[in-house]
Amino acid sequence: MKFRISPLVSDIIISVYVIVTLYLRFKYENQSNITIANSLVIGVCFFVILWSLIKLKILNPNWFGLFNSKKI
């Protein structure tokens, strides 16, 4: 049995995750002198974590009903 989160809760978790990671990136970039390449690597790492959770079907986003969901 896989651990699955409902679509609405997944949407909320993804939204909060994106907002928090953007805040942390901007705060970290302002406090330290890092290059554009480092910033991109940090962003890709945050994105890969989110992508892997969706690919493993732990998060099941419904994208707040913007797209047609697949019926299984």
N, C-alpha and C. Protein backbone atom coordinates (compact mmCIF):
# COMPACT_ATOMS: atom_id res chain seq x y z
N MET A 1 0.84 -1.18 0.00
CA MET A 1 0.00 0.00 0.00
C MET A 1 0.89 1.24 0.00
N LYS A 2 0.65 2.09 -0.97
CA LYS A 2 1.43 3.32 -1.07
C LYS A 2 0.77 4.42 -0.26
N PHE A 3 1.61 5.30 0.23
CA PHE A 3 1.12 6.47 0.94
C PHE A 3 0.74 7.52 -0.09
N ARG A 4 -0.55 7.88 -0.14
CA ARG A 4 -1.03 8.86 -1.11
C ARG A 4 -1.75 9.98 -0.38
N ILE A 5 -1.54 11.17 -0.84
CA ILE A 5 -2.18 12.34 -0.26
C ILE A 5 -3.28 12.79 -1.22
N SER A 6 -4.38 13.23 -0.68
CA SER A 6 -5.52 13.64 -1.52
C SER A 6 -5.15 14.83 -2.41
N PRO A 7 -5.85 15.00 -3.54
CA PRO A 7 -5.51 16.07 -4.48
C PRO A 7 -5.54 17.48 -3.89
N LEU A 8 -6.54 17.80 -3.09
CA LEU A 8 -6.62 19.15 -2.53
C LEU A 8 -5.48 19.42 -1.56
N VAL A 9 -5.18 18.47 -0.70
CA VAL A 9 -4.07 18.62 0.24
C VAL A 9 -2.74 18.68 -0.52
N SER A 10 -2.62 17.90 -1.59
CA SER A 10 -1.41 17.94 -2.42
C SER A 10 -1.21 19.32 -3.03
N ASP A 11 -2.30 19.92 -3.53
CA ASP A 11 -2.20 21.26 -4.10
C ASP A 11 -1.74 22.27 -3.06
N ILE A 12 -2.26 22.17 -1.86
CA ILE A 12 -1.88 23.09 -0.79
C ILE A 12 -0.41 22.89 -0.40
N ILE A 13 0.01 21.63 -0.28
CA ILE A 13 1.40 21.33 0.08
C ILE A 13 2.35 21.85 -1.00
N ILE A 14 2.01 21.65 -2.26
CA ILE A 14 2.86 22.12 -3.36
C ILE A 14 2.95 23.64 -3.36
N SER A 15 1.83 24.32 -3.14
CA SER A 15 1.83 25.78 -3.13
C SER A 15 2.70 26.32 -1.99
N VAL A 16 2.54 25.76 -0.81
CA VAL A 16 3.33 26.20 0.34
C VAL A 16 4.81 25.89 0.10
N TYR A 17 5.11 24.73 -0.46
CA TYR A 17 6.49 24.34 -0.75
C TYR A 17 7.15 25.32 -1.71
N VAL A 18 6.44 25.69 -2.77
CA VAL A 18 7.00 26.61 -3.76
C VAL A 18 7.24 27.98 -3.14
N ILE A 19 6.30 28.48 -2.36
CA ILE A 19 6.45 29.79 -1.73
C ILE A 19 7.60 29.79 -0.73
N VAL A 20 7.72 28.74 0.09
CA VAL A 20 8.78 28.68 1.09
C VAL A 20 10.15 28.54 0.42
N THR A 21 10.25 27.71 -0.61
CA THR A 21 11.54 27.54 -1.27
C THR A 21 11.97 28.82 -2.00
N LEU A 22 11.04 29.52 -2.62
CA LEU A 22 11.39 30.79 -3.24
C LEU A 22 11.86 31.80 -2.20
N TYR A 23 11.16 31.86 -1.06
CA TYR A 23 11.56 32.76 0.01
C TYR A 23 12.97 32.42 0.51
N LEU A 24 13.23 31.13 0.73
CA LEU A 24 14.55 30.73 1.21
C LEU A 24 15.63 31.03 0.20
N ARG A 25 15.36 30.82 -1.09
CA ARG A 25 16.36 31.13 -2.12
C ARG A 25 16.67 32.62 -2.16
N PHE A 26 15.64 33.45 -2.16
CA PHE A 26 15.87 34.90 -2.20
C PHE A 26 16.59 35.39 -0.96
N LYS A 27 16.21 34.87 0.20
CA LYS A 27 16.86 35.27 1.44
C LYS A 27 18.33 34.85 1.45
N TYR A 28 18.61 33.62 1.03
CA TYR A 28 19.98 33.12 0.99
C TYR A 28 20.82 33.89 -0.02
N GLU A 29 20.24 34.20 -1.18
CA GLU A 29 20.98 34.93 -2.20
C GLU A 29 21.31 36.35 -1.76
N ASN A 30 20.43 36.99 -1.01
CA ASN A 30 20.70 38.34 -0.53
C ASN A 30 21.76 38.36 0.57
N GLN A 31 21.78 37.33 1.41
CA GLN A 31 22.73 37.31 2.52
C GLN A 31 24.13 36.94 2.09
N SER A 32 24.26 36.13 1.06
CA SER A 32 25.60 35.70 0.62
C SER A 32 25.79 36.03 -0.85
N ASN A 33 27.01 36.12 -1.24
CA ASN A 33 27.33 36.46 -2.60
C ASN A 33 27.53 35.17 -3.40
N ILE A 34 26.46 34.70 -4.05
CA ILE A 34 26.56 33.48 -4.84
C ILE A 34 26.34 33.80 -6.31
N THR A 35 26.79 32.92 -7.16
CA THR A 35 26.68 33.15 -8.60
C THR A 35 25.33 32.69 -9.13
N ILE A 36 25.06 33.03 -10.36
CA ILE A 36 23.81 32.63 -11.00
C ILE A 36 23.75 31.11 -11.14
N ALA A 37 24.87 30.49 -11.44
CA ALA A 37 24.91 29.03 -11.58
C ALA A 37 24.52 28.34 -10.27
N ASN A 38 25.03 28.84 -9.15
CA ASN A 38 24.67 28.26 -7.85
C ASN A 38 23.18 28.42 -7.57
N SER A 39 22.64 29.56 -7.92
CA SER A 39 21.22 29.80 -7.72
C SER A 39 20.37 28.84 -8.55
N LEU A 40 20.80 28.62 -9.79
CA LEU A 40 20.07 27.69 -10.65
C LEU A 40 20.16 26.26 -10.13
N VAL A 41 21.31 25.86 -9.62
CA VAL A 41 21.45 24.51 -9.07
C VAL A 41 20.55 24.33 -7.85
N ILE A 42 20.48 25.32 -6.99
CA ILE A 42 19.60 25.25 -5.82
C ILE A 42 18.14 25.12 -6.27
N GLY A 43 17.75 25.92 -7.25
CA GLY A 43 16.38 25.85 -7.77
C GLY A 43 16.06 24.51 -8.38
N VAL A 44 16.99 23.95 -9.13
CA VAL A 44 16.78 22.63 -9.75
C VAL A 44 16.66 21.55 -8.67
N CYS A 45 17.46 21.65 -7.62
CA CYS A 45 17.38 20.67 -6.53
C CYS A 45 16.01 20.71 -5.85
N PHE A 46 15.50 21.92 -5.58
CA PHE A 46 14.17 22.04 -4.99
C PHE A 46 13.11 21.47 -5.93
N PHE A 47 13.26 21.72 -7.23
CA PHE A 47 12.31 21.22 -8.22
C PHE A 47 12.34 19.70 -8.32
N VAL A 48 13.52 19.11 -8.26
CA VAL A 48 13.65 17.65 -8.36
C VAL A 48 12.98 16.97 -7.18
N ILE A 49 13.08 17.54 -6.00
CA ILE A 49 12.41 16.97 -4.83
C ILE A 49 10.90 16.95 -5.06
N LEU A 50 10.35 18.04 -5.52
CA LEU A 50 8.91 18.12 -5.78
C LEU A 50 8.51 17.17 -6.90
N TRP A 51 9.27 17.13 -7.97
CA TRP A 51 8.98 16.27 -9.10
C TRP A 51 9.00 14.80 -8.69
N SER A 52 9.96 14.41 -7.87
CA SER A 52 10.05 13.01 -7.45
C SER A 52 8.86 12.60 -6.58
N LEU A 53 8.39 13.50 -5.73
CA LEU A 53 7.22 13.19 -4.91
C LEU A 53 5.97 13.03 -5.77
N ILE A 54 5.85 13.81 -6.84
CA ILE A 54 4.72 13.66 -7.75
C ILE A 54 4.87 12.39 -8.57
N LYS A 55 6.06 12.10 -9.04
CA LYS A 55 6.31 10.91 -9.86
C LYS A 55 6.09 9.63 -9.07
N LEU A 56 6.43 9.63 -7.79
CA LEU A 56 6.20 8.47 -6.94
C LEU A 56 4.74 8.35 -6.50
N LYS A 57 3.93 9.31 -6.91
CA LYS A 57 2.50 9.36 -6.60
C LYS A 57 2.21 9.51 -5.12
N ILE A 58 3.14 10.12 -4.40
CA ILE A 58 2.88 10.49 -3.01
C ILE A 58 2.01 11.75 -3.01
N LEU A 59 2.39 12.71 -3.86
CA LEU A 59 1.57 13.90 -4.08
C LEU A 59 0.75 13.68 -5.35
N ASN A 60 -0.53 13.98 -5.30
CA ASN A 60 -1.43 13.81 -6.43
C ASN A 60 -2.09 15.14 -6.74
N PRO A 61 -1.39 16.02 -7.42
CA PRO A 61 -1.95 17.36 -7.64
C PRO A 61 -3.13 17.35 -8.60
N ASN A 62 -4.08 18.19 -8.30
CA ASN A 62 -5.24 18.41 -9.16
C ASN A 62 -5.12 19.77 -9.82
N TRP A 63 -4.08 20.51 -9.48
CA TRP A 63 -3.79 21.86 -9.98
C TRP A 63 -4.98 22.78 -9.77
N PHE A 64 -5.63 22.63 -8.61
CA PHE A 64 -6.77 23.44 -8.18
C PHE A 64 -7.91 23.40 -9.19
N GLY A 65 -8.02 22.29 -9.92
CA GLY A 65 -9.11 22.11 -10.87
C GLY A 65 -8.92 22.84 -12.18
N LEU A 66 -7.72 23.33 -12.47
CA LEU A 66 -7.49 24.07 -13.71
C LEU A 66 -7.46 23.16 -14.94
N PHE A 67 -7.00 21.93 -14.77
CA PHE A 67 -6.91 20.99 -15.88
C PHE A 67 -7.85 19.83 -15.61
N ASN A 68 -8.23 19.14 -16.67
CA ASN A 68 -9.07 17.95 -16.50
C ASN A 68 -8.27 16.86 -15.83
N SER A 69 -8.82 16.27 -14.79
CA SER A 69 -8.13 15.20 -14.11
C SER A 69 -8.42 13.88 -14.81
N LYS A 70 -7.46 12.95 -14.73
CA LYS A 70 -7.61 11.66 -15.35
C LYS A 70 -8.50 10.78 -14.46
N LYS A 71 -9.43 10.13 -15.06
CA LYS A 71 -10.29 9.19 -14.31
C LYS A 71 -9.68 7.81 -14.40
N ILE A 72 -9.48 7.19 -13.24
CA ILE A 72 -8.89 5.84 -13.21
C ILE A 72 -9.98 4.84 -12.86
